[in-house]
Amino acid sequence: MELANRATFTKKDGSLRTIVFYNIDQLPLTMIAEKLKGTGTQRKLADGSRLVYDLVVREFRIFNESTVIGQIEQVSLDTLFDGGYIL
């Protein structure tokens, strides 16, 4: 059973969004090397923010934990997929 994370948070425009994501340490190193481009300098993230991989839009996102409504929960991907797409 593959586990991901799910959280509902407040976006900058005030609307709510639910994100299903992997933490970076859950991704294969080859995927990280392939998807992330840069100058080799490390980006400074704001306190409470971290880089995650959004499984719905299939892109990396900066996730600000201070805007989470409720708790970040672990969820089984088996329960989230229908026809190859996340519900």
C-alpha atoms as a PDB file:
ATOM      1  CA  MET A   1       0.000   0.000   0.000  1.00  0.00           C
ATOM      2  CA  GLU A   2       1.474   3.314  -1.114  1.00  0.00           C
ATOM      3  CA  LEU A   3       0.955   6.235   1.262  1.00  0.00           C
ATOM      4  CA  ALA A   4       0.716   9.889   0.325  1.00  0.00           C
ATOM      5  CA  ASN A   5      -0.223  13.003   2.276  1.00  0.00           C
ATOM      6  CA  ARG A   6      -3.397  15.054   2.035  1.00  0.00           C
ATOM      7  CA  ALA A   7      -4.126  18.487   3.444  1.00  0.00           C
ATOM      8  CA  THR A   8      -6.584  21.318   2.971  1.00  0.00           C
ATOM      9  CA  PHE A   9      -5.082  24.779   3.095  1.00  0.00           C
ATOM     10  CA  THR A  10      -5.922  28.416   2.462  1.00  0.00           C
ATOM     11  CA  LYS A  11      -4.495  29.786  -0.779  1.00  0.00           C
ATOM     12  CA  LYS A  12      -3.121  33.339  -1.047  1.00  0.00           C
ATOM     13  CA  ASP A  13      -6.422  34.488  -2.590  1.00  0.00           C
ATOM     14  CA  GLY A  14      -8.333  33.189   0.473  1.00  0.00           C
ATOM     15  CA  SER A  15      -9.899  30.164  -1.214  1.00  0.00           C
ATOM     16  CA  LEU A  16      -9.458  26.622   0.113  1.00  0.00           C
ATOM     17  CA  ARG A  17      -7.654  23.860  -1.762  1.00  0.00           C
ATOM     18  CA  THR A  18      -6.965  20.222  -0.965  1.00  0.00           C
ATOM     19  CA  ILE A  19      -3.601  18.874  -2.048  1.00  0.00           C
ATOM     20  CA  VAL A  20      -2.499  15.241  -2.281  1.00  0.00           C
ATOM     21  CA  PHE A  21       1.280  15.118  -2.263  1.00  0.00           C
ATOM     22  CA  TYR A  22       4.514  13.269  -1.726  1.00  0.00           C
ATOM     23  CA  ASN A  23       7.293  14.698   0.363  1.00  0.00           C
ATOM     24  CA  ILE A  24      10.556  14.956  -1.539  1.00  0.00           C
ATOM     25  CA  ASP A  25      12.078  12.043   0.386  1.00  0.00           C
ATOM     26  CA  GLN A  26       9.304   9.787  -0.975  1.00  0.00           C
ATOM     27  CA  LEU A  27      10.360  10.355  -4.613  1.00  0.00           C
ATOM     28  CA  PRO A  28      12.947   8.396  -6.594  1.00  0.00           C
ATOM     29  CA  LEU A  29      16.211  10.340  -6.988  1.00  0.00           C
ATOM     30  CA  THR A  30      16.019   9.964 -10.772  1.00  0.00           C
ATOM     31  CA  MET A  31      12.693  11.799 -10.841  1.00  0.00           C
ATOM     32  CA  ILE A  32      14.043  14.637  -8.734  1.00  0.00           C
ATOM     33  CA  ALA A  33      17.087  15.039 -10.964  1.00  0.00           C
ATOM     34  CA  GLU A  34      14.931  14.922 -14.096  1.00  0.00           C
ATOM     35  CA  LYS A  35      12.221  17.348 -12.964  1.00  0.00           C
ATOM     36  CA  LEU A  36      14.185  19.925 -10.968  1.00  0.00           C
ATOM     37  CA  LYS A  37      16.291  22.387 -12.871  1.00  0.00           C
ATOM     38  CA  GLY A  38      18.347  25.185 -11.468  1.00  0.00           C
ATOM     39  CA  THR A  39      21.615  26.975 -11.016  1.00  0.00           C
ATOM     40  CA  GLY A  40      22.904  24.742  -8.250  1.00  0.00           C
ATOM     41  CA  THR A  41      22.140  27.246  -5.512  1.00  0.00           C
ATOM     42  CA  GLN A  42      19.681  26.282  -2.834  1.00  0.00           C
ATOM     43  CA  ARG A  43      16.489  28.316  -2.600  1.00  0.00           C
ATOM     44  CA  LYS A  44      15.608  29.745   0.811  1.00  0.00           C
ATOM     45  CA  LEU A  45      12.006  28.849   1.701  1.00  0.00           C
ATOM     46  CA  ALA A  46       9.907  30.788   4.184  1.00  0.00           C
ATOM     47  CA  ASP A  47       9.458  29.279   7.637  1.00  0.00           C
ATOM     48  CA  GLY A  48       6.851  26.520   7.531  1.00  0.00           C
ATOM     49  CA  SER A  49       7.218  26.011   3.772  1.00  0.00           C
ATOM     50  CA  ARG A  50       8.609  22.973   1.987  1.00  0.00           C
ATOM     51  CA  LEU A  51       8.891  21.556  -1.491  1.00  0.00           C
ATOM     52  CA  VAL A  52       6.397  18.765  -2.255  1.00  0.00           C
ATOM     53  CA  TYR A  53       5.218  16.903  -5.353  1.00  0.00           C
ATOM     54  CA  ASP A  54       1.508  17.499  -6.060  1.00  0.00           C
ATOM     55  CA  LEU A  55       0.060  14.198  -7.280  1.00  0.00           C
ATOM     56  CA  VAL A  56      -3.023  15.790  -8.868  1.00  0.00           C
ATOM     57  CA  VAL A  57      -1.326  18.398 -11.068  1.00  0.00           C
ATOM     58  CA  ARG A  58       1.902  16.342 -11.270  1.00  0.00           C
ATOM     59  CA  GLU A  59       4.162  19.273 -10.500  1.00  0.00           C
ATOM     60  CA  PHE A  60       6.384  20.424  -7.666  1.00  0.00           C
ATOM     61  CA  ARG A  61       4.822  22.990  -5.349  1.00  0.00           C
ATOM     62  CA  ILE A  62       5.917  25.069  -2.390  1.00  0.00           C
ATOM     63  CA  PHE A  63       3.613  23.977   0.442  1.00  0.00           C
ATOM     64  CA  ASN A  64       3.107  26.373   3.359  1.00  0.00           C
ATOM     65  CA  GLU A  65       2.150  24.312   6.409  1.00  0.00           C
ATOM     66  CA  SER A  66       1.089  27.406   8.345  1.00  0.00           C
ATOM     67  CA  THR A  67      -2.000  27.728   6.123  1.00  0.00           C
ATOM     68  CA  VAL A  68      -3.245  24.159   6.733  1.00  0.00           C
ATOM     69  CA  ILE A  69      -6.826  23.774   7.949  1.00  0.00           C
ATOM     70  CA  GLY A  70      -6.936  20.843  10.379  1.00  0.00           C
ATOM     71  CA  GLN A  71      -4.234  18.182  10.091  1.00  0.00           C
ATOM     72  CA  ILE A  72      -2.002  16.783   7.362  1.00  0.00           C
ATOM     73  CA  GLU A  73      -3.094  13.168   7.032  1.00  0.00           C
ATOM     74  CA  GLN A  74      -1.537  10.101   5.475  1.00  0.00           C
ATOM     75  CA  VAL A  75      -3.770   8.411   2.934  1.00  0.00           C
ATOM     76  CA  SER A  76      -3.529   5.224   0.908  1.00  0.00           C
ATOM     77  CA  LEU A  77      -3.258   5.914  -2.800  1.00  0.00           C
ATOM     78  CA  ASP A  78      -5.320   2.774  -3.386  1.00  0.00           C
ATOM     79  CA  THR A  79      -8.358   4.629  -2.005  1.00  0.00           C
ATOM     80  CA  LEU A  80      -7.735   7.791  -4.055  1.00  0.00           C
ATOM     81  CA  PHE A  81      -7.464   6.439  -7.590  1.00  0.00           C
ATOM     82  CA  ASP A  82     -10.305   5.778  -9.997  1.00  0.00           C
ATOM     83  CA  GLY A  83      -9.476   4.872 -13.564  1.00  0.00           C
ATOM     84  CA  GLY A  84      -5.880   6.028 -13.109  1.00  0.00           C
ATOM     85  CA  TYR A  85      -6.855   9.477 -11.842  1.00  0.00           C
ATOM     86  CA  ILE A  86      -6.864  10.821  -8.327  1.00  0.00           C
ATOM     87  CA  LEU A  87     -10.375  11.521  -7.067  1.00  0.00           C
END
